């Protein structure tokens, strides 16, 4: 991976708290929101801009966030923005300095319903990354629900040049490399969870390969998949177990927009930063990386 050119030896850390939310445009936000609500138990609310916010249960012992996923109206399904939650005293000036070292402008954001004052950076491929304190949680606690995922865990992004984007994510935001597959797939983490941000190449413009939401464990898949089947929905791929991250997975797609969601559990955690060396696979190892249990993904998954 290219060196982290944005760093200096005495730099302030720009590491976010967590992956906060993802904004996508879809042809019919209400239809996608209905799939999330009825199929997966998401809490959905309308926005003033014609879009919808969708959220789930949230982090342990914390109120549910106001949004994990924002759906905006658009002609096609399109990734618009990835937002990282940061602290109120986050070093935005350092982030701006690092963005400038990559030749990128950093725009200041005013506080609004989506979050506090922050900074947005758009890279040369058009990938928009935002760092800001999270907006207010939902007003009323969500009732317990057997279907609802716990939280947004990661996004896997398709970009034109994976090594370039990987270097930016590492050098500008201090995300830590957990694992990689050749020079075509990189997995980054914010805290101990194996990955919160994945980067893969081969796309003409930035796009979301999938958004991943954590579920409670193996037994959750039976409940969720039976419920989805009753509604006439089929899973796209899984269940299986990935190599990188060693997590269980089931993938499905919103029938209205084609937006791909991963329901994952049992993700590996990395606790010993001092001794950890990121494993590196080759693209020829895909039989052991994409699914250790054997069945290969459908062609739709590889697009």
C-alpha atoms as a PDB file:
ATOM      1  CA  UNK A   1       0.000   0.000   0.000  1.00  0.00           C
ATOM      2  CA  UNK A   2       1.329   3.517  -0.742  1.00  0.00           C
ATOM      3  CA  UNK A   3       2.891   5.349   2.182  1.00  0.00           C
ATOM      4  CA  UNK A   4       0.836   7.644   4.353  1.00  0.00           C
ATOM      5  CA  UNK A   5       2.065  10.909   2.894  1.00  0.00           C
ATOM      6  CA  UNK A   6      -0.379  13.036   4.882  1.00  0.00           C
ATOM      7  CA  UNK A   7       1.200  12.161   8.233  1.00  0.00           C
ATOM      8  CA  UNK A   8       3.941  13.904  10.153  1.00  0.00           C
ATOM      9  CA  UNK A   9       5.848  12.377  13.083  1.00  0.00           C
ATOM     10  CA  UNK A  10       4.149  14.625  15.643  1.00  0.00           C
ATOM     11  CA  UNK A  11       0.711  14.662  14.038  1.00  0.00           C
ATOM     12  CA  UNK A  12      -2.558  14.808  15.930  1.00  0.00           C
ATOM     13  CA  UNK A  13      -4.612  11.706  15.331  1.00  0.00           C
ATOM     14  CA  UNK A  14      -7.540  12.175  12.974  1.00  0.00           C
ATOM     15  CA  UNK A  15      -8.972   8.729  13.750  1.00  0.00           C
ATOM     16  CA  UNK A  16     -12.788   8.918  13.965  1.00  0.00           C
ATOM     17  CA  UNK A  17     -14.877   7.306  16.704  1.00  0.00           C
ATOM     18  CA  UNK A  18     -16.781   5.077  14.299  1.00  0.00           C
ATOM     19  CA  UNK A  19     -18.381   4.790  10.899  1.00  0.00           C
ATOM     20  CA  UNK A  20     -21.444   6.934  11.488  1.00  0.00           C
ATOM     21  CA  UNK A  21     -23.723   6.817   8.458  1.00  0.00           C
ATOM     22  CA  UNK A  22     -23.919   6.376   4.712  1.00  0.00           C
ATOM     23  CA  UNK A  23     -25.938   8.473   2.270  1.00  0.00           C
ATOM     24  CA  UNK A  24     -27.118   6.942  -0.995  1.00  0.00           C
ATOM     25  CA  UNK A  25     -29.436   8.093  -3.754  1.00  0.00           C
ATOM     26  CA  UNK A  26     -32.077   5.579  -4.823  1.00  0.00           C
ATOM     27  CA  UNK A  27     -34.890   5.795  -7.395  1.00  0.00           C
ATOM     28  CA  UNK A  28     -37.644   5.424  -4.778  1.00  0.00           C
ATOM     29  CA  UNK A  29     -36.592   6.236  -1.188  1.00  0.00           C
ATOM     30  CA  UNK A  30     -40.000   5.288   0.201  1.00  0.00           C
ATOM     31  CA  UNK A  31     -39.854   1.836  -1.406  1.00  0.00           C
ATOM     32  CA  UNK A  32     -36.330   1.155  -0.150  1.00  0.00           C
ATOM     33  CA  UNK A  33     -37.288   2.400   3.306  1.00  0.00           C
ATOM     34  CA  UNK A  34     -40.322   0.097   3.300  1.00  0.00           C
ATOM     35  CA  UNK A  35     -38.081  -2.888   2.497  1.00  0.00           C
ATOM     36  CA  UNK A  36     -35.765  -1.992   5.369  1.00  0.00           C
ATOM     37  CA  UNK A  37     -38.688  -1.492   7.743  1.00  0.00           C
ATOM     38  CA  UNK A  38     -40.818  -4.488   6.804  1.00  0.00           C
ATOM     39  CA  UNK A  39     -38.051  -6.912   5.917  1.00  0.00           C
ATOM     40  CA  UNK A  40     -35.411  -6.093   8.518  1.00  0.00           C
ATOM     41  CA  UNK A  41     -37.137  -4.118  11.253  1.00  0.00           C
ATOM     42  CA  UNK A  42     -35.389  -0.788  10.625  1.00  0.00           C
ATOM     43  CA  UNK A  43     -36.834   2.392  12.092  1.00  0.00           C
ATOM     44  CA  UNK A  44     -37.459   4.806   9.201  1.00  0.00           C
ATOM     45  CA  UNK A  45     -38.431   8.481   9.239  1.00  0.00           C
ATOM     46  CA  UNK A  46     -39.004  11.025   6.447  1.00  0.00           C
ATOM     47  CA  UNK A  47     -36.633  13.920   5.852  1.00  0.00           C
ATOM     48  CA  UNK A  48     -37.475  17.401   4.670  1.00  0.00           C
ATOM     49  CA  UNK A  49     -35.543  16.912   1.408  1.00  0.00           C
ATOM     50  CA  UNK A  50     -37.747  14.136   0.029  1.00  0.00           C
ATOM     51  CA  UNK A  51     -35.534  11.412   1.444  1.00  0.00           C
ATOM     52  CA  UNK A  52     -35.726   8.975   4.334  1.00  0.00           C
ATOM     53  CA  UNK A  53     -33.517   8.179   7.309  1.00  0.00           C
ATOM     54  CA  UNK A  54     -33.155   4.583   8.476  1.00  0.00           C
ATOM     55  CA  UNK A  55     -31.659   3.438  11.756  1.00  0.00           C
ATOM     56  CA  UNK A  56     -31.354   0.362  13.936  1.00  0.00           C
ATOM     57  CA  UNK A  57     -30.786  -0.430  17.598  1.00  0.00           C
ATOM     58  CA  UNK A  58     -27.380   1.250  17.930  1.00  0.00           C
ATOM     59  CA  UNK A  59     -24.292   0.676  20.039  1.00  0.00           C
ATOM     60  CA  UNK A  60     -24.523  -1.196  23.341  1.00  0.00           C
ATOM     61  CA  UNK A  61     -26.057   0.883  26.162  1.00  0.00           C
ATOM     62  CA  UNK A  62     -26.466   3.925  23.900  1.00  0.00           C
ATOM     63  CA  UNK A  63     -29.618   5.388  22.342  1.00  0.00           C
ATOM     64  CA  UNK A  64     -30.342   4.557  18.721  1.00  0.00           C
ATOM     65  CA  UNK A  65     -28.764   7.131  16.384  1.00  0.00           C
ATOM     66  CA  UNK A  66     -30.931   9.370  14.268  1.00  0.00           C
ATOM     67  CA  UNK A  67     -29.632   7.709  11.118  1.00  0.00           C
ATOM     68  CA  UNK A  68     -27.342   4.972   9.922  1.00  0.00           C
ATOM     69  CA  UNK A  69     -28.534   5.230   6.342  1.00  0.00           C
ATOM     70  CA  UNK A  70     -29.911   8.243   4.494  1.00  0.00           C
ATOM     71  CA  UNK A  71     -31.885   7.580   1.317  1.00  0.00           C
ATOM     72  CA  UNK A  72     -32.157  10.493  -1.104  1.00  0.00           C
ATOM     73  CA  UNK A  73     -34.169  10.597  -4.340  1.00  0.00           C
ATOM     74  CA  UNK A  74     -32.112  10.042  -7.477  1.00  0.00           C
ATOM     75  CA  UNK A  75     -32.324   8.718 -11.010  1.00  0.00           C
ATOM     76  CA  UNK A  76     -30.196   5.692 -10.102  1.00  0.00           C
ATOM     77  CA  UNK A  77     -28.666   4.055  -7.047  1.00  0.00           C
ATOM     78  CA  UNK A  78     -25.575   6.067  -6.213  1.00  0.00           C
ATOM     79  CA  UNK A  79     -23.234   6.492  -3.250  1.00  0.00           C
ATOM     80  CA  UNK A  80     -23.346  10.128  -2.149  1.00  0.00           C
ATOM     81  CA  UNK A  81     -21.517  10.379   1.177  1.00  0.00           C
ATOM     82  CA  UNK A  82     -19.779   8.410   3.922  1.00  0.00           C
ATOM     83  CA  UNK A  83     -19.844  10.024   7.354  1.00  0.00           C
ATOM     84  CA  UNK A  84     -17.573   9.229  10.276  1.00  0.00           C
ATOM     85  CA  UNK A  85     -18.578  10.206  13.802  1.00  0.00           C
ATOM     86  CA  UNK A  86     -15.933  12.233  15.630  1.00  0.00           C
ATOM     87  CA  UNK A  87     -15.561  13.914  19.014  1.00  0.00           C
ATOM     88  CA  UNK A  88     -16.519  17.527  19.660  1.00  0.00           C
ATOM     89  CA  UNK A  89     -12.822  18.429  20.013  1.00  0.00           C
ATOM     90  CA  UNK A  90     -11.745  16.624  16.847  1.00  0.00           C
ATOM     91  CA  UNK A  91      -8.696  18.251  15.159  1.00  0.00           C
ATOM     92  CA  UNK A  92     -10.375  19.533  12.004  1.00  0.00           C
ATOM     93  CA  UNK A  93      -7.410  21.780  11.201  1.00  0.00           C
ATOM     94  CA  UNK A  94      -5.166  18.715  11.061  1.00  0.00           C
ATOM     95  CA  UNK A  95      -7.659  16.995   8.773  1.00  0.00           C
ATOM     96  CA  UNK A  96      -7.661  20.046   6.495  1.00  0.00           C
ATOM     97  CA  UNK A  97      -3.850  20.064   6.457  1.00  0.00           C
ATOM     98  CA  UNK A  98      -3.721  16.409   5.490  1.00  0.00           C
ATOM     99  CA  UNK A  99      -6.354  16.843   2.789  1.00  0.00           C
ATOM    100  CA  UNK A 100      -4.282  19.684   1.334  1.00  0.00           C
ATOM    101  CA  UNK A 101      -1.201  17.427   1.310  1.00  0.00           C
ATOM    102  CA  UNK A 102      -3.136  15.165  -1.085  1.00  0.00           C
ATOM    103  CA  UNK A 103      -4.178  18.149  -3.194  1.00  0.00           C
ATOM    104  CA  UNK A 104      -7.756  18.015  -1.911  1.00  0.00           C
ATOM    105  CA  UNK A 105      -9.970  20.820  -0.636  1.00  0.00           C
ATOM    106  CA  UNK A 106     -11.772  20.485   2.690  1.00  0.00           C
ATOM    107  CA  UNK A 107     -15.142  22.181   3.063  1.00  0.00           C
ATOM    108  CA  UNK A 108     -16.474  23.220   6.456  1.00  0.00           C
ATOM    109  CA  UNK A 109     -19.984  22.032   7.346  1.00  0.00           C
ATOM    110  CA  UNK A 110     -22.380  23.898   9.595  1.00  0.00           C
ATOM    111  CA  UNK A 111     -24.323  22.052  12.293  1.00  0.00           C
ATOM    112  CA  UNK A 112     -27.655  20.709  11.073  1.00  0.00           C
ATOM    113  CA  UNK A 113     -30.074  17.869  11.774  1.00  0.00           C
ATOM    114  CA  UNK A 114     -27.540  15.323  10.502  1.00  0.00           C
ATOM    115  CA  UNK A 115     -24.690  16.313  12.818  1.00  0.00           C
ATOM    116  CA  UNK A 116     -22.458  18.961  14.294  1.00  0.00           C
ATOM    117  CA  UNK A 117     -19.968  21.260  12.597  1.00  0.00           C
ATOM    118  CA  UNK A 118     -17.551  19.223  10.524  1.00  0.00           C
ATOM    119  CA  UNK A 119     -15.442  18.867   7.409  1.00  0.00           C
ATOM    120  CA  UNK A 120     -16.151  17.223   4.050  1.00  0.00           C
ATOM    121  CA  UNK A 121     -13.423  16.086   1.660  1.00  0.00           C
ATOM    122  CA  UNK A 122     -14.032  14.865  -1.893  1.00  0.00           C
ATOM    123  CA  UNK A 123     -11.182  12.863  -3.414  1.00  0.00           C
ATOM    124  CA  UNK A 124     -10.136  12.888  -7.057  1.00  0.00           C
ATOM    125  CA  UNK A 125     -12.508  10.024  -7.912  1.00  0.00           C
ATOM    126  CA  UNK A 126     -15.522  11.811  -6.412  1.00  0.00           C
ATOM    127  CA  UNK A 127     -15.655   9.885  -3.120  1.00  0.00           C
ATOM    128  CA  UNK A 128     -17.103  12.208  -0.477  1.00  0.00           C
ATOM    129  CA  UNK A 129     -15.904  11.642   3.097  1.00  0.00           C
ATOM    130  CA  UNK A 130     -17.332  13.586   6.034  1.00  0.00           C
ATOM    131  CA  UNK A 131     -16.123  13.877   9.626  1.00  0.00           C
ATOM    132  CA  UNK A 132     -18.512  15.472  12.125  1.00  0.00           C
ATOM    133  CA  UNK A 133     -20.029  14.842  15.561  1.00  0.00           C
ATOM    134  CA  UNK A 134     -23.129  12.677  15.344  1.00  0.00           C
ATOM    135  CA  UNK A 135     -26.564  14.243  15.232  1.00  0.00           C
ATOM    136  CA  UNK A 136     -29.114  13.712  17.996  1.00  0.00           C
ATOM    137  CA  UNK A 137     -30.421  10.196  18.655  1.00  0.00           C
ATOM    138  CA  UNK A 138     -34.032   9.325  17.985  1.00  0.00           C
ATOM    139  CA  UNK A 139     -36.398  10.769  20.570  1.00  0.00           C
ATOM    140  CA  UNK A 140     -38.087   7.532  21.631  1.00  0.00           C
ATOM    141  CA  UNK A 141     -36.135   4.333  22.412  1.00  0.00           C
ATOM    142  CA  UNK A 142     -36.782   1.539  19.946  1.00  0.00           C
ATOM    143  CA  UNK A 143     -38.658  -1.463  21.324  1.00  0.00           C
ATOM    144  CA  UNK A 144     -36.949  -4.837  21.258  1.00  0.00           C
ATOM    145  CA  UNK A 145     -37.349  -6.556  17.884  1.00  0.00           C
ATOM    146  CA  UNK A 146     -36.071  -9.994  16.829  1.00  0.00           C
ATOM    147  CA  UNK A 147     -35.482  -8.874  13.235  1.00  0.00           C
ATOM    148  CA  UNK A 148     -33.674  -5.590  13.688  1.00  0.00           C
ATOM    149  CA  UNK A 149     -29.878  -5.548  13.181  1.00  0.00           C
ATOM    150  CA  UNK A 150     -27.795  -4.029  15.934  1.00  0.00           C
ATOM    151  CA  UNK A 151     -25.790  -1.363  14.121  1.00  0.00           C
ATOM    152  CA  UNK A 152     -23.993  -0.265  10.983  1.00  0.00           C
ATOM    153  CA  UNK A 153     -20.650  -2.068  11.007  1.00  0.00           C
ATOM    154  CA  UNK A 154     -18.913  -1.324   7.719  1.00  0.00           C
ATOM    155  CA  UNK A 155     -19.156  -0.210   4.136  1.00  0.00           C
ATOM    156  CA  UNK A 156     -17.335  -1.789   1.223  1.00  0.00           C
ATOM    157  CA  UNK A 157     -16.660   0.792  -1.492  1.00  0.00           C
ATOM    158  CA  UNK A 158     -15.852   0.239  -5.160  1.00  0.00           C
ATOM    159  CA  UNK A 159     -13.434   2.838  -6.553  1.00  0.00           C
ATOM    160  CA  UNK A 160     -11.366   3.354  -9.721  1.00  0.00           C
ATOM    161  CA  UNK A 161      -8.002   2.861  -7.970  1.00  0.00           C
ATOM    162  CA  UNK A 162      -8.031   0.851  -4.738  1.00  0.00           C
ATOM    163  CA  UNK A 163      -4.401   1.505  -3.647  1.00  0.00           C
ATOM    164  CA  UNK A 164      -4.839   5.269  -4.059  1.00  0.00           C
ATOM    165  CA  UNK A 165      -8.041   5.344  -2.015  1.00  0.00           C
ATOM    166  CA  UNK A 166      -6.495   3.016   0.575  1.00  0.00           C
ATOM    167  CA  UNK A 167      -3.541   5.369   0.994  1.00  0.00           C
ATOM    168  CA  UNK A 168      -5.915   8.307   1.464  1.00  0.00           C
ATOM    169  CA  UNK A 169      -8.030   6.506   4.064  1.00  0.00           C
ATOM    170  CA  UNK A 170      -4.925   5.550   6.000  1.00  0.00           C
ATOM    171  CA  UNK A 171      -2.995   8.776   5.623  1.00  0.00           C
ATOM    172  CA  UNK A 172      -5.803  11.299   5.997  1.00  0.00           C
ATOM    173  CA  UNK A 173      -8.058   9.568   8.531  1.00  0.00           C
ATOM    174  CA  UNK A 174      -5.625   7.292  10.401  1.00  0.00           C
ATOM    175  CA  UNK A 175      -7.739   4.203   9.740  1.00  0.00           C
ATOM    176  CA  UNK A 176      -5.707   1.061  10.422  1.00  0.00           C
ATOM    177  CA  UNK A 177      -5.081  -1.594   7.793  1.00  0.00           C
ATOM    178  CA  UNK A 178      -6.362  -4.979   8.980  1.00  0.00           C
ATOM    179  CA  UNK A 179      -5.937  -7.160   5.898  1.00  0.00           C
ATOM    180  CA  UNK A 180      -5.642  -6.992   2.132  1.00  0.00           C
ATOM    181  CA  UNK A 181      -6.112  -9.150  -0.945  1.00  0.00           C
ATOM    182  CA  UNK A 182      -3.460  -8.308  -3.517  1.00  0.00           C
ATOM    183  CA  UNK A 183      -3.752  -4.656  -4.470  1.00  0.00           C
ATOM    184  CA  UNK A 184      -7.451  -4.944  -5.214  1.00  0.00           C
ATOM    185  CA  UNK A 185      -9.090  -5.216  -1.783  1.00  0.00           C
ATOM    186  CA  UNK A 186      -8.200  -3.471   1.488  1.00  0.00           C
ATOM    187  CA  UNK A 187      -9.866  -3.756   4.895  1.00  0.00           C
ATOM    188  CA  UNK A 188      -9.543  -0.933   7.444  1.00  0.00           C
ATOM    189  CA  UNK A 189     -10.666  -0.563  11.042  1.00  0.00           C
ATOM    190  CA  UNK A 190     -11.415   2.338  13.357  1.00  0.00           C
ATOM    191  CA  UNK A 191     -11.216   0.462  16.672  1.00  0.00           C
ATOM    192  CA  UNK A 192     -10.743  -3.231  17.384  1.00  0.00           C
ATOM    193  CA  UNK A 193     -13.374  -4.640  15.006  1.00  0.00           C
ATOM    194  CA  UNK A 194     -11.569  -6.155  12.011  1.00  0.00           C
ATOM    195  CA  UNK A 195     -13.009  -3.818   9.408  1.00  0.00           C
ATOM    196  CA  UNK A 196     -15.293  -0.823   9.220  1.00  0.00           C
ATOM    197  CA  UNK A 197     -14.232   0.375   5.769  1.00  0.00           C
ATOM    198  CA  UNK A 198     -13.425  -1.813   2.784  1.00  0.00           C
ATOM    199  CA  UNK A 199     -11.976  -0.633  -0.533  1.00  0.00           C
ATOM    200  CA  UNK A 200     -12.021  -2.561  -3.806  1.00  0.00           C
ATOM    201  CA  UNK A 201     -11.024  -1.481  -7.293  1.00  0.00           C
ATOM    202  CA  UNK A 202     -12.560  -1.866 -10.716  1.00  0.00           C
ATOM    203  CA  UNK A 203     -15.289   0.781 -10.726  1.00  0.00           C
ATOM    204  CA  UNK A 204     -15.441   3.827 -12.988  1.00  0.00           C
ATOM    205  CA  UNK A 205     -16.746   5.939 -10.081  1.00  0.00           C
ATOM    206  CA  UNK A 206     -17.172   5.468  -6.321  1.00  0.00           C
ATOM    207  CA  UNK A 207     -20.017   3.118  -5.514  1.00  0.00           C
ATOM    208  CA  UNK A 208     -21.174   1.033  -2.565  1.00  0.00           C
ATOM    209  CA  UNK A 209     -20.582  -2.672  -3.076  1.00  0.00           C
ATOM    210  CA  UNK A 210     -22.418  -3.307   0.191  1.00  0.00           C
ATOM    211  CA  UNK A 211     -23.420  -1.860   3.536  1.00  0.00           C
ATOM    212  CA  UNK A 212     -23.017  -4.234   6.477  1.00  0.00           C
ATOM    213  CA  UNK A 213     -25.194  -4.389   9.574  1.00  0.00           C
ATOM    214  CA  UNK A 214     -24.364  -6.550  12.562  1.00  0.00           C
ATOM    215  CA  UNK A 215     -26.850  -9.153  13.783  1.00  0.00           C
ATOM    216  CA  UNK A 216     -26.754 -11.003  17.088  1.00  0.00           C
ATOM    217  CA  UNK A 217     -25.406 -14.335  15.867  1.00  0.00           C
ATOM    218  CA  UNK A 218     -26.039 -17.580  14.032  1.00  0.00           C
ATOM    219  CA  UNK A 219     -29.612 -18.023  15.238  1.00  0.00           C
ATOM    220  CA  UNK A 220     -30.540 -14.584  13.876  1.00  0.00           C
ATOM    221  CA  UNK A 221     -30.113 -15.775  10.299  1.00  0.00           C
ATOM    222  CA  UNK A 222     -32.846 -18.373  10.623  1.00  0.00           C
ATOM    223  CA  UNK A 223     -35.322 -15.802  11.954  1.00  0.00           C
ATOM    224  CA  UNK A 224     -34.375 -13.151   9.405  1.00  0.00           C
ATOM    225  CA  UNK A 225     -34.222 -15.417   6.371  1.00  0.00           C
ATOM    226  CA  UNK A 226     -37.509 -17.130   7.232  1.00  0.00           C
ATOM    227  CA  UNK A 227     -39.158 -13.729   7.602  1.00  0.00           C
ATOM    228  CA  UNK A 228     -37.719 -12.461   4.314  1.00  0.00           C
ATOM    229  CA  UNK A 229     -38.879 -15.628   2.550  1.00  0.00           C
ATOM    230  CA  UNK A 230     -42.402 -15.094   3.850  1.00  0.00           C
ATOM    231  CA  UNK A 231     -42.316 -11.655   2.215  1.00  0.00           C
ATOM    232  CA  UNK A 232     -41.088 -13.151  -1.059  1.00  0.00           C
ATOM    233  CA  UNK A 233     -37.452 -12.021  -0.777  1.00  0.00           C
ATOM    234  CA  UNK A 234     -34.462 -14.267  -1.477  1.00  0.00           C
ATOM    235  CA  UNK A 235     -30.916 -13.896  -0.205  1.00  0.00           C
ATOM    236  CA  UNK A 236     -28.316 -13.160  -2.873  1.00  0.00           C
ATOM    237  CA  UNK A 237     -25.448 -15.054  -1.235  1.00  0.00           C
ATOM    238  CA  UNK A 238     -24.862 -17.030   1.950  1.00  0.00           C
ATOM    239  CA  UNK A 239     -24.859 -18.010   4.644  1.00  0.00           C
ATOM    240  CA  UNK A 240     -21.115 -18.415   4.676  1.00  0.00           C
ATOM    241  CA  UNK A 241     -17.939 -17.334   6.436  1.00  0.00           C
ATOM    242  CA  UNK A 242     -15.452 -14.856   5.004  1.00  0.00           C
ATOM    243  CA  UNK A 243     -11.700 -15.304   5.294  1.00  0.00           C
ATOM    244  CA  UNK A 244     -10.764 -11.674   6.087  1.00  0.00           C
ATOM    245  CA  UNK A 245     -12.519 -10.817   9.350  1.00  0.00           C
ATOM    246  CA  UNK A 246     -13.682 -14.432   9.758  1.00  0.00           C
ATOM    247  CA  UNK A 247     -17.277 -13.199  10.004  1.00  0.00           C
ATOM    248  CA  UNK A 248     -20.485 -14.990   9.141  1.00  0.00           C
ATOM    249  CA  UNK A 249     -22.483 -13.398   6.337  1.00  0.00           C
ATOM    250  CA  UNK A 250     -25.727 -13.286   4.426  1.00  0.00           C
ATOM    251  CA  UNK A 251     -26.146 -10.836   1.527  1.00  0.00           C
ATOM    252  CA  UNK A 252     -29.418  -9.544   0.165  1.00  0.00           C
ATOM    253  CA  UNK A 253     -30.523  -6.742  -2.131  1.00  0.00           C
ATOM    254  CA  UNK A 254     -33.277  -4.192  -1.911  1.00  0.00           C
ATOM    255  CA  UNK A 255     -35.592  -5.096  -4.810  1.00  0.00           C
ATOM    256  CA  UNK A 256     -36.376  -1.461  -5.571  1.00  0.00           C
ATOM    257  CA  UNK A 257     -32.852  -0.043  -5.826  1.00  0.00           C
ATOM    258  CA  UNK A 258     -30.491  -3.011  -5.966  1.00  0.00           C
ATOM    259  CA  UNK A 259     -28.700  -1.694  -2.866  1.00  0.00           C
ATOM    260  CA  UNK A 260     -26.778  -4.615  -1.363  1.00  0.00           C
ATOM    261  CA  UNK A 261     -26.829  -5.247   2.379  1.00  0.00           C
ATOM    262  CA  UNK A 262     -24.701  -7.668   4.349  1.00  0.00           C
ATOM    263  CA  UNK A 263     -26.000  -9.092   7.611  1.00  0.00           C
ATOM    264  CA  UNK A 264     -22.878 -10.143   9.478  1.00  0.00           C
ATOM    265  CA  UNK A 265     -21.923 -11.550  12.862  1.00  0.00           C
ATOM    266  CA  UNK A 266     -18.955 -13.065  14.688  1.00  0.00           C
ATOM    267  CA  UNK A 267     -16.448 -10.542  13.311  1.00  0.00           C
ATOM    268  CA  UNK A 268     -12.842 -10.888  14.489  1.00  0.00           C
ATOM    269  CA  UNK A 269     -11.366  -8.203  16.754  1.00  0.00           C
ATOM    270  CA  UNK A 270      -7.756  -7.034  16.885  1.00  0.00           C
ATOM    271  CA  UNK A 271      -6.598  -6.155  20.389  1.00  0.00           C
ATOM    272  CA  UNK A 272      -2.787  -6.232  20.260  1.00  0.00           C
ATOM    273  CA  UNK A 273      -1.892  -3.326  17.994  1.00  0.00           C
ATOM    274  CA  UNK A 274       1.819  -3.539  18.796  1.00  0.00           C
ATOM    275  CA  UNK A 275       2.292  -7.056  17.458  1.00  0.00           C
ATOM    276  CA  UNK A 276      -0.376  -7.209  14.747  1.00  0.00           C
ATOM    277  CA  UNK A 277       0.783  -7.645  11.155  1.00  0.00           C
ATOM    278  CA  UNK A 278      -1.982  -7.349   8.527  1.00  0.00           C
ATOM    279  CA  UNK A 279      -2.307 -10.603   6.567  1.00  0.00           C
ATOM    280  CA  UNK A 280      -1.970 -10.320   2.816  1.00  0.00           C
ATOM    281  CA  UNK A 281      -3.730 -12.680   0.461  1.00  0.00           C
ATOM    282  CA  UNK A 282      -3.433 -12.797  -3.308  1.00  0.00           C
ATOM    283  CA  UNK A 283      -6.348 -12.519  -5.701  1.00  0.00           C
ATOM    284  CA  UNK A 284      -5.782 -16.178  -6.580  1.00  0.00           C
ATOM    285  CA  UNK A 285      -6.753 -17.060  -2.994  1.00  0.00           C
ATOM    286  CA  UNK A 286     -10.384 -16.040  -3.538  1.00  0.00           C
ATOM    287  CA  UNK A 287     -11.557 -19.576  -2.822  1.00  0.00           C
ATOM    288  CA  UNK A 288     -10.432 -19.096   0.778  1.00  0.00           C
ATOM    289  CA  UNK A 289     -11.183 -15.407   1.195  1.00  0.00           C
ATOM    290  CA  UNK A 290     -14.709 -14.870  -0.085  1.00  0.00           C
ATOM    291  CA  UNK A 291     -16.190 -17.976   1.565  1.00  0.00           C
ATOM    292  CA  UNK A 292     -14.230 -20.469   3.625  1.00  0.00           C
ATOM    293  CA  UNK A 293     -17.187 -22.880   3.486  1.00  0.00           C
ATOM    294  CA  UNK A 294     -16.958 -23.309  -0.239  1.00  0.00           C
ATOM    295  CA  UNK A 295     -19.855 -22.030  -2.373  1.00  0.00           C
ATOM    296  CA  UNK A 296     -18.696 -19.254  -4.695  1.00  0.00           C
ATOM    297  CA  UNK A 297     -20.704 -16.036  -5.042  1.00  0.00           C
ATOM    298  CA  UNK A 298     -23.065 -15.434  -7.964  1.00  0.00           C
ATOM    299  CA  UNK A 299     -21.935 -13.251 -10.838  1.00  0.00           C
ATOM    300  CA  UNK A 300     -24.120 -10.424  -9.525  1.00  0.00           C
ATOM    301  CA  UNK A 301     -21.963 -10.259  -6.390  1.00  0.00           C
ATOM    302  CA  UNK A 302     -18.780  -9.819  -8.418  1.00  0.00           C
ATOM    303  CA  UNK A 303     -20.061  -6.945 -10.548  1.00  0.00           C
END
